[in-house]
Amino acid sequence: MRNAVCIFYLVLRALDTLEDDMTISVEKKVPLLHNFHSFLYQPDWRFMESKEKDRQVLEDFPTISLEFRNLAEKYQTVIADICQRMGIGMAEFLDKHVTSEQEWDKQHSETPSLKKLKN
């Protein structure tokens, strides 16, 4: 399970790095966030246009995705599912100003739970 947790962290670090990069236009970023989970299954996918300090996780994503694909299927399923939900949630709030506690809760409701990896 240690490997699954480490890969889970790196996948979400890459997703968050993409979201945080303010040099990427919203028009380009939204489809990347929506489809990020699918990049886990694309051996050669990488993103070389990031200017974020943590961009190495995007540039070296083929290594991360290879290790992801080497995980047991049950871990892959959980990680890909959480990654998909987080990417969609991140994209939704890129240009949205949070104006209520309910919106704040929704924005942060996709926080991943390591408990899901235990099952």
Protein backbone atom coordinates (compact mmCIF):
# COMPACT_ATOMS: atom_id res chain seq x y z
CA MET A 1 0.00 0.00 0.00
CA ARG A 2 2.97 2.32 0.56
CA ASN A 3 3.58 2.51 -3.20
CA ALA A 4 -0.08 3.30 -3.84
CA VAL A 5 -0.02 6.18 -1.35
CA CYS A 6 3.19 7.57 -2.85
CA ILE A 7 1.86 7.39 -6.40
CA PHE A 8 -1.47 8.86 -5.25
CA TYR A 9 0.41 11.82 -3.79
CA LEU A 10 2.45 12.38 -6.97
CA VAL A 11 -0.62 12.16 -9.21
CA LEU A 12 -2.48 14.72 -7.10
CA ARG A 13 0.65 16.90 -6.88
CA ALA A 14 0.74 16.94 -10.69
CA LEU A 15 -2.97 17.76 -10.91
CA ASP A 16 -2.60 20.56 -8.36
CA THR A 17 0.47 21.93 -10.14
CA LEU A 18 -1.55 22.18 -13.34
CA GLU A 19 -4.40 23.93 -11.52
CA ASP A 20 -2.07 26.38 -9.76
CA ASP A 21 -0.13 27.44 -12.87
CA MET A 22 -1.39 30.92 -13.66
CA THR A 23 0.58 31.04 -16.93
CA ILE A 24 -1.81 28.52 -18.51
CA SER A 25 -4.96 30.06 -19.95
CA VAL A 26 -8.31 28.96 -18.55
CA GLU A 27 -9.31 27.84 -22.06
CA LYS A 28 -6.37 25.43 -22.12
CA LYS A 29 -6.49 24.48 -18.44
CA VAL A 30 -10.15 23.38 -18.24
CA PRO A 31 -9.84 20.48 -20.71
CA LEU A 32 -6.54 19.44 -19.11
CA LEU A 33 -8.19 19.29 -15.68
CA HIS A 34 -11.26 17.48 -17.03
CA ASN A 35 -9.13 14.86 -18.77
CA PHE A 36 -6.22 14.57 -16.35
CA HIS A 37 -7.36 11.18 -15.04
CA SER A 38 -7.13 9.76 -18.58
CA PHE A 39 -3.47 10.81 -18.83
CA LEU A 40 -2.71 8.13 -16.23
CA TYR A 41 -3.28 5.57 -18.99
CA GLN A 42 -1.31 7.41 -21.70
CA PRO A 43 2.31 6.25 -21.34
CA ASP A 44 3.85 9.22 -23.17
CA TRP A 45 1.68 12.06 -21.85
CA ARG A 46 3.59 14.90 -20.24
CA PHE A 47 3.07 18.64 -19.97
CA MET A 48 6.09 20.76 -20.82
CA GLU A 49 4.48 24.21 -20.80
CA SER A 50 4.19 24.74 -17.05
CA LYS A 51 6.08 27.53 -15.34
CA GLU A 52 5.16 26.36 -11.81
CA LYS A 53 7.96 25.60 -9.36
CA ASP A 54 6.72 21.98 -9.09
CA ARG A 55 6.51 21.46 -12.87
CA GLN A 56 8.85 18.46 -12.75
CA VAL A 57 5.90 16.22 -11.81
CA LEU A 58 4.23 17.24 -15.08
CA GLU A 59 7.40 16.95 -17.15
CA ASP A 60 8.20 13.51 -15.71
CA PHE A 61 4.61 12.30 -15.73
CA PRO A 62 5.39 9.25 -17.92
CA THR A 63 7.38 7.83 -14.99
CA ILE A 64 4.56 8.55 -12.54
CA SER A 65 1.91 7.08 -14.85
CA LEU A 66 4.04 3.96 -15.44
CA GLU A 67 4.22 3.33 -11.70
CA PHE A 68 0.49 4.03 -11.46
CA ARG A 69 -0.21 1.38 -14.11
CA ASN A 70 1.95 -1.08 -12.16
CA LEU A 71 -0.32 -0.75 -9.10
CA ALA A 72 -3.05 -3.27 -8.34
CA GLU A 73 -6.25 -2.50 -10.24
CA LYS A 74 -8.14 -1.66 -7.04
CA TYR A 75 -5.67 1.17 -6.30
CA GLN A 76 -5.72 2.39 -9.89
CA THR A 77 -9.52 2.60 -9.79
CA VAL A 78 -9.61 4.64 -6.59
CA ILE A 79 -6.82 7.01 -7.66
CA ALA A 80 -8.25 7.59 -11.15
CA ASP A 81 -11.75 8.17 -9.74
CA ILE A 82 -10.59 10.71 -7.17
CA CYS A 83 -8.37 12.39 -9.76
CA GLN A 84 -11.33 12.69 -12.16
CA ARG A 85 -13.63 14.18 -9.52
CA MET A 86 -10.96 16.59 -8.32
CA GLY A 87 -10.09 17.72 -11.85
CA ILE A 88 -13.74 18.46 -12.63
CA GLY A 89 -14.14 20.30 -9.32
CA MET A 90 -10.97 22.32 -9.88
CA ALA A 91 -12.09 23.34 -13.36
CA GLU A 92 -15.49 24.44 -12.06
CA PHE A 93 -13.94 26.91 -9.65
CA LEU A 94 -11.19 28.37 -11.87
CA ASP A 95 -13.12 31.55 -12.65
CA LYS A 96 -15.75 31.34 -9.96
CA HIS A 97 -15.73 33.61 -6.95
CA VAL A 98 -16.88 31.78 -3.85
CA THR A 99 -19.68 33.82 -2.30
CA SER A 100 -21.16 31.51 0.30
CA GLU A 101 -20.18 28.91 2.85
CA GLN A 102 -22.07 26.33 0.77
CA GLU A 103 -19.90 27.10 -2.28
CA TRP A 104 -16.77 26.96 -0.10
CA ASP A 105 -17.82 23.52 1.16
CA LYS A 106 -18.50 22.34 -2.39
CA GLN A 107 -15.15 23.63 -3.62
CA HIS A 108 -13.35 21.67 -0.92
CA SER A 109 -15.57 18.58 -0.89
CA GLU A 110 -13.39 16.70 -3.38
CA THR A 111 -10.49 16.52 -0.94
CA PRO A 112 -9.13 13.01 -1.32
CA SER A 113 -9.27 10.53 1.49
CA LEU A 114 -6.47 8.05 1.96
CA LYS A 115 -9.01 5.81 3.67
CA LYS A 116 -10.33 4.87 0.23
CA LEU A 117 -7.00 3.24 -0.59
CA LYS A 118 -7.28 0.86 2.37
CA ASN A 119 -10.28 -1.01 0.97
